[in-house]
Amino acid sequence: MTPDMGTAKTFLLTIAALALAAGGVAAAMVYGGLYNVASTEQHTQVVYSVLETAMRQSVRLRARSIETPRLDDERMVQHGAACFRDKCVQCHGAPGVAQSDIGKSMQPVPGPLVDAGQRWRPRELYWLTRHGIKMSGMPAWEFHLSDEDLWATVAFLARLPDLTPQQYAAITEVRVVPGGSAPVAPGAASCGRLQAAPSQPADLQRGKRALYQYACNACHTIPGVTGSTPHVGPPLDGMARRSLIGGKLANTPENMVRWLRHTREVDPLTAMPDMGVSERDARDIAAYLATLD
């Protein structure tokens, strides 16, 4: 054996030994329960920095082709203020407003968004709000807010650094309209209430995403959707072969949409709650469930 071959063999054996050692440490961390998953303990700075960098680069890559609309319309900003108050302030806080206990206790901490415009481009903030961040507690709002709501929230984030606590309180103030059925805030009438989508073919992949965005996999095991194998509701495999939905309705696409949108109207005694599924999302989910045979 030549010296060069001996050196190469030693190098490869060293790499293999290091890989085995790393695999052993990883296995001990996972299967030995050595990694503390408690939110009462912070990530180490190394883990935090790696996750932060991976998240930032991932968002930049996926948001690079998004076109940003004009964000300087005052009505748009006011509408975004209402969406921010209703959907964001609980975790992120606001000028003069503390995070809720949930937000304070998360790891990593979802910090204030006053400086978000310095760290992210508008298209990146839109992507973050629409798609959320895995393993961080940041939810995806794609199925719960319209594009108008999402861009309005981004527009408000651009205004947020200039607001004093008093100005923030004024722009998000809930007003009671005389003769109105409920209190409203400036621009808040449609926040979180998706408009009916034009008629279009059902989208199977969108329906699959909707299943976990509406947390259906929290109670049901669903083929193609990852989860922790819950035993709360019945498994959804074989839905296409079943004759009844919920033991009440004939298994047709129209009845599946009805069941998803008006569950307790169909069966007031069911433990399944109404999940606030929109018409379009229900059609997409029904189309995906119809493939599970």
Foldseek 3Di string as FASTA:
>chain_A
DDPVVVVVVVVVVVVVVVVVVVVVVVCCVVVVVVDDPALVDADPPVVVVVVVVVVLVVLCVVLVPDDADDLPDPLLLLQLLQLCVVPPCCQANAAVGHHNPVQVSFHVRNYHLLCVVVVDPLSSQLCCQQPPDPPGPGAHCVQQFDSSNSSSNSSNSVVRNVDHPVRSCQSNPWADDVVDPDTHGRSHPCGRPDDDDPDDDADQVLLLVVCVSLPVLVAEAEPPDDDDHHPRDYHLAPVLVDQADPVQHGLDLVVQLCCQQPVCVRPVPDPDDNSNGDSNNSSNNSVNSNVRD
